[in-house]
Amino acid sequence: PNLTVLRPADANETIAAYRYAVSRSKGPIAMILSRQGLPILEGTKEKATESVARGAYILSDTDGTPDLLLIASGSEVSLALSAKQKLETKGRRIRVISMPSWELFEQQPQEYKDKVLPPDVKARVAIEMAHPLGWERYVGDKGKVLGITRFGASAPGTKLMEEYGFTPEHVVAIAEKVIATS
């Protein structure tokens, strides 16, 4: 009960998550960190300090109303940004949302939540390199969660990411289908 999970996407979000964790006096905090080396993401230096404590924020936006929302946490955020670049070359308007904490996001005023996840944008894809359970609340009935629903694979990380479809190309393919049906 009262557990707050923080899953930062890079070093800047990790610093912000740590600062939040040590400033909090109620309830336990779990910081979930990646073992892999992660790049410093463009925009986190300016946005992470304030935004991680809000649970989710617009890391990379587009002009006008987005065609699709890409939502991710942890190491998956860099994958979302790579997919955004590929989708933009196809003329798509994409917003990438870094969501390091569901619990903190749920505590935000509805106005903020609607700003980050506009209710009128039904095309949404969440990227989760674990079980997809829970992400459906953010993608809705028109969206899709790229996750893992089986167990037992063992291989180098890059091979597993390809095997499970955690590549920019596969995210783009899913995104295009979601856009077409939304």
Protein backbone atom coordinates (compact mmCIF):
# COMPACT_ATOMS: atom_id res chain seq x y z
CA PRO A 1 0.00 0.00 0.00
CA ASN A 2 1.09 3.54 -0.84
CA LEU A 3 4.06 2.28 -2.88
CA THR A 4 5.32 4.79 -5.43
CA VAL A 5 7.29 3.29 -8.31
CA LEU A 6 9.77 5.50 -10.16
CA ARG A 7 11.17 4.25 -13.46
CA PRO A 8 13.50 6.93 -14.87
CA ALA A 9 14.50 7.01 -18.54
CA ASP A 10 18.01 8.44 -18.23
CA ALA A 11 20.50 9.99 -15.80
CA ASN A 12 18.60 13.30 -15.61
CA GLU A 13 15.34 11.56 -14.71
CA THR A 14 17.26 9.36 -12.24
CA ILE A 15 18.60 12.43 -10.42
CA ALA A 16 15.10 13.93 -10.30
CA ALA A 17 13.62 10.62 -9.09
CA TYR A 18 16.26 10.32 -6.37
CA ARG A 19 15.61 13.89 -5.20
CA TYR A 20 11.89 13.16 -5.08
CA ALA A 21 12.46 9.89 -3.20
CA VAL A 22 14.63 11.41 -0.47
CA SER A 23 12.26 14.34 -0.01
CA ARG A 24 9.23 12.12 0.53
CA SER A 25 8.28 11.11 4.06
CA LYS A 26 5.11 9.07 3.41
CA GLY A 27 5.04 5.59 1.98
CA PRO A 28 7.70 3.43 0.35
CA ILE A 29 9.40 4.26 -2.93
CA ALA A 30 10.81 1.77 -5.42
CA MET A 31 13.26 3.06 -8.00
CA ILE A 32 13.49 0.69 -10.94
CA LEU A 33 16.74 1.27 -12.81
CA SER A 34 18.06 -0.33 -15.98
CA ARG A 35 21.25 -2.35 -16.08
CA GLN A 36 21.94 -1.26 -19.62
CA GLY A 37 23.69 1.94 -20.55
CA LEU A 38 21.11 4.52 -21.53
CA PRO A 39 21.64 7.70 -23.51
CA ILE A 40 20.92 11.11 -22.06
CA LEU A 41 17.69 12.08 -23.78
CA GLU A 42 17.12 15.45 -25.37
CA GLY A 43 14.81 17.51 -23.17
CA THR A 44 15.25 15.69 -19.88
CA LYS A 45 17.87 18.14 -18.59
CA GLU A 46 15.35 20.97 -18.83
CA LYS A 47 12.18 19.05 -17.94
CA ALA A 48 13.01 16.19 -15.57
CA THR A 49 13.59 18.14 -12.35
CA GLU A 50 10.04 19.45 -12.23
CA SER A 51 8.26 16.83 -14.32
CA VAL A 52 9.33 13.51 -12.78
CA ALA A 53 7.49 14.45 -9.58
CA ARG A 54 4.32 14.81 -11.70
CA GLY A 55 4.63 11.21 -12.85
CA ALA A 56 4.47 11.88 -16.60
CA TYR A 57 5.29 14.69 -18.97
CA ILE A 58 5.58 15.61 -22.61
CA LEU A 59 9.20 14.91 -23.45
CA SER A 60 8.96 15.55 -27.18
CA ASP A 61 6.00 17.22 -28.85
CA THR A 62 4.77 18.13 -32.29
CA ASP A 63 3.13 21.13 -33.88
CA GLY A 64 -0.63 20.93 -33.75
CA THR A 65 -2.71 18.01 -32.55
CA PRO A 66 -0.69 14.77 -32.44
CA ASP A 67 -1.65 11.88 -34.72
CA LEU A 68 -0.36 9.50 -32.05
CA LEU A 69 0.87 9.45 -28.47
CA LEU A 70 3.86 7.23 -27.69
CA ILE A 71 4.00 6.53 -23.95
CA ALA A 72 6.90 4.84 -22.19
CA SER A 73 8.98 4.71 -19.04
CA GLY A 74 12.53 3.68 -18.27
CA SER A 75 14.71 2.43 -21.10
CA GLU A 76 11.71 2.26 -23.44
CA VAL A 77 11.56 6.08 -23.70
CA SER A 78 14.61 6.17 -25.98
CA LEU A 79 12.89 3.59 -28.20
CA ALA A 80 9.79 5.80 -28.34
CA LEU A 81 11.94 8.76 -29.41
CA SER A 82 13.59 6.69 -32.17
CA ALA A 83 10.17 5.57 -33.44
CA LYS A 84 8.96 9.18 -33.36
CA GLN A 85 11.80 10.23 -35.67
CA LYS A 86 10.90 7.51 -38.16
CA LEU A 87 7.19 8.33 -38.03
CA GLU A 88 7.88 12.03 -38.57
CA THR A 89 9.70 11.22 -41.82
CA LYS A 90 6.35 9.77 -42.94
CA GLY A 91 4.60 13.05 -42.13
CA ARG A 92 3.12 11.90 -38.82
CA ARG A 93 2.76 14.25 -35.84
CA ILE A 94 3.95 12.37 -32.75
CA ARG A 95 4.07 13.22 -29.05
CA VAL A 96 6.36 11.22 -26.78
CA ILE A 97 5.38 11.03 -23.12
CA SER A 98 7.83 9.91 -20.48
CA MET A 99 5.86 8.31 -17.65
CA PRO A 100 8.25 7.42 -14.82
CA SER A 101 5.46 6.96 -12.25
CA TRP A 102 1.84 5.93 -12.69
CA GLU A 103 1.17 6.64 -9.02
CA LEU A 104 2.41 10.24 -9.19
CA PHE A 105 0.62 10.86 -12.49
CA GLU A 106 -2.68 9.66 -11.01
CA GLN A 107 -2.33 12.26 -8.23
CA GLN A 108 -2.22 15.15 -10.72
CA PRO A 109 -5.22 17.36 -11.44
CA GLN A 110 -7.34 16.19 -14.37
CA GLU A 111 -6.39 19.33 -16.30
CA TYR A 112 -2.72 18.33 -16.22
CA LYS A 113 -3.47 14.71 -17.13
CA ASP A 114 -5.55 15.87 -20.09
CA LYS A 115 -2.76 18.19 -21.22
CA VAL A 116 -0.28 15.31 -21.26
CA LEU A 117 -2.72 12.70 -22.63
CA PRO A 118 -5.35 14.65 -24.61
CA PRO A 119 -8.63 12.71 -24.43
CA ASP A 120 -9.42 13.46 -28.08
CA VAL A 121 -6.22 11.71 -29.28
CA LYS A 122 -7.26 8.05 -29.33
CA ALA A 123 -4.23 6.73 -31.24
CA ARG A 124 -1.86 5.69 -28.48
CA VAL A 125 0.93 3.17 -28.11
CA ALA A 126 2.60 2.28 -24.82
CA ILE A 127 5.96 0.52 -24.85
CA GLU A 128 6.71 -1.80 -21.93
CA MET A 129 9.55 -4.35 -21.95
CA ALA A 130 7.64 -6.36 -19.38
CA HIS A 131 4.06 -7.52 -18.94
CA PRO A 132 1.64 -4.98 -20.46
CA LEU A 133 -0.86 -5.18 -17.57
CA GLY A 134 -1.90 -1.73 -16.40
CA TRP A 135 -0.96 0.26 -19.50
CA GLU A 136 -4.45 -0.19 -20.95
CA ARG A 137 -5.68 2.62 -18.71
CA TYR A 138 -3.45 5.01 -20.67
CA VAL A 139 -3.87 3.68 -24.22
CA GLY A 140 -7.64 3.14 -24.08
CA ASP A 141 -9.62 0.81 -26.30
CA LYS A 142 -8.19 2.21 -29.55
CA GLY A 143 -4.55 1.97 -28.48
CA LYS A 144 -2.01 -0.81 -28.24
CA VAL A 145 0.57 -1.90 -25.69
CA LEU A 146 3.80 -3.42 -26.94
CA GLY A 147 4.75 -5.71 -24.06
CA ILE A 148 5.90 -9.22 -23.21
CA THR A 149 3.34 -11.88 -22.31
CA ARG A 150 5.57 -14.93 -22.32
CA PHE A 151 8.54 -16.14 -20.31
CA GLY A 152 11.64 -18.13 -20.93
CA ALA A 153 13.87 -16.43 -23.49
CA SER A 154 17.55 -16.04 -22.78
CA ALA A 155 19.98 -14.25 -25.06
CA PRO A 156 21.96 -11.02 -25.29
CA GLY A 157 19.76 -7.96 -24.73
CA THR A 158 19.87 -6.69 -28.31
CA LYS A 159 18.83 -10.12 -29.64
CA LEU A 160 15.94 -10.31 -27.17
CA MET A 161 14.74 -6.80 -28.07
CA GLU A 162 14.62 -7.81 -31.73
CA GLU A 163 12.90 -11.12 -30.92
CA TYR A 164 10.21 -9.41 -28.86
CA GLY A 165 9.73 -6.57 -31.35
CA PHE A 166 11.30 -3.76 -29.34
CA THR A 167 12.77 -2.04 -32.38
CA PRO A 168 11.90 1.36 -33.85
CA GLU A 169 10.66 -0.35 -37.01
CA HIS A 170 8.22 -2.57 -35.12
CA VAL A 171 6.95 0.34 -33.02
CA VAL A 172 6.40 2.27 -36.26
CA ALA A 173 4.43 -0.65 -37.75
CA ILE A 174 2.22 -0.84 -34.64
CA ALA A 175 1.80 2.93 -34.59
CA GLU A 176 0.70 3.02 -38.23
CA LYS A 177 -1.95 0.35 -37.56
CA VAL A 178 -3.20 2.20 -34.48
CA ILE A 179 -3.40 5.50 -36.39
CA ALA A 180 -5.29 3.80 -39.22
CA THR A 181 -7.91 2.31 -36.88
CA SER A 182 -8.38 5.25 -34.52
